[in-house]
Structures are given as C-alpha cells and as structure tokens.
Amino acid sequence: MCDQDHFEEDIKKYSRRDMGALAAAGLGAAMLLPRAADAAEVSENNVNITTPDGQCDAYFVAPSSGSHAAVLVWPDIFGLRPAFRQMGKRLAESGYSVLVVNPFYRTKKAPTAPDGANTPIQSVIPLARSLNATTQTTDAKAFVKWLDAQPQVDTNKKIGTIGYCMGGPIVMRTAAAAADRVGAAATFHGGGLVTDAADSPHLLIPQMKAQFLIAIAENDDQRDPESKNVLRKAFEQAHLKAEIEVYPAGHGWCPPDTRVHNREQAEKAWARMLDLFSRSLV
C-alpha cells in the first residue's frame, strides 16, 4: 500500500534501477515506454474541469481525428506528473480519448510531487488523506460528465477507467457512480480495495456493470492475502467478469518513474488492460 511504514522497505526489496542516475543521464519517462508501431497521431491539452469543489487541472489527450472510447485515469499517490502524461499519451496512441486528472486539485495544482515518484512519501500522504469516499465519487461523476461533452469522445461506446495505488479504490467508486457508462475498469497495485470499513470499495461491486482487471503487487498480497479472495467472491456473486492476478513485482511497479518499476510485468499488465478495453469498450 502507499504508506510510510512499508515504503522504504519495499524500495529496498524491489528496486531494480537507480532513478537518480536515469534523471542525470537525461532519460525521462518518455524514454522508458515503448511506442506501438501503428500508434495514432494525437493531440494533447491541459484542461480545467469544473467540479462541485472547484476547478480540477488535468491532462487530456486523444487521437487527432475522430471520436473514440474514453478512459479516465486516476494516478498514484504522487499525482499527475510527466510519467502519467506519457502513460496517458501512450494509451491515446492506441485509439482512446484519455483524461488524466490531478486528484489533489482542492489542495494543490499539479505537479503535486516536485520530484515525481522520488518525492519523499511523507510529503504526499497528507494529500491522499485529504480525499474520501464522497470527494472521490463526486469527482468521478464530474469527470465522466466532462468526457461525455467532448467531441473526441464517442458516447456510443462505454468508458474505461484505470487507477494506480490510491487510484485503485477510486476506480471502483467510479465504476459504481457511473455504472451505466463505465464498461471496463482496471486497478494496478491498488491499495485498500477491501477494508473493514462501512464504505469499503468492494462493497460497491453489486452496483457496477463493468468488467475488471485487478493486478495485485506481490508484497501487497503477502500483507493481505485474503483480499483477492473476497474480491473474486464479490465479482462472482455480482455476475461480473474479473481477472484478478498477483504479479511478481512490488507495489508501484507500473509507472515508469518509480524505483520499483518492473518493465516486464508492467508491459504484461498494460497488454491485459488493452485486451480488456478491446473487448469491453464497445
């Protein structure tokens, strides 16, 4: 999970490369993400979206022509930053209209973590704690409404939503809050999908209509091995398809700027997401 107690421990166990050395060499996230041979030309824009609580700054990228299925992206605890812009652009190049939001807009404009995923975890934990089930749900509704008003979005197709780390629970709340629009959802090393609280995200599964991909970090599963079983049972009872898998990688392995990034496993998760979207966003 995205908590200070385990963060440094996980870095030591799963670190695969020196992000500082990469930065010094001038290698950014763009250098680390492969580009599809048939990648579409895209147009990128910084946008502001009105929500019940103010103006959310976000990044919107879509193929330069036509309208397409939309995807709403919830970043990890380090927020909207170059790595997530690159991930959003890569997804748009595969034919989707993609919105990557700053979930912390109420408190701070992006970038909320000045050094990206190298920002000390203790400095961003208060940002994550400023959000709750209510803010996540109202934001989800506002962002889906905004996407449906864009000419680059084909409203005849279902919307996808994906989230990383703390974005995982928000994905589940989005799938419940906009059940008639969200047809596919994916969480990557999501924290807190199953809790003992009355507002645990997994309790919303009966309200959803989306197919799911839940990619679990190995160390998250070791700390909480029962959650995946609770999720499988809940999706089965709701008659929803859900691919739930533990990946041999550490929490945070997907974004290319983290010190635990595992390219092989990140590419596997990305491919599974694209497969889900190709089947469900129709």
Foldseek 3Di string as FASTA:
>chain_A
DLDPVCVVVLLVVQFDDDLVVCVVVVHDLLNVDDADPQFAAKDKDWDWFDFPLGTWTKIKMAHPDDAAAEEEEEEALQFDDPLVNSVQSRVRRVGYTYIYTGLQVNPDHPSPAPVRQVRPSVSRVVSLVVDDLVSLLRVLVRVVVVQVPDRNHDQVWAHEYEYAACCVLSQLSSQLSPQVRHAEYEYAQYPQCDDPDPVRSLVSLLSHNYAYEYEHEPVVCVVPVCVLVSNVVSCVVSVHHYHYDYDDFHRPQARPSHSSPDPVRNVVSVVVRVVRCVPTGD
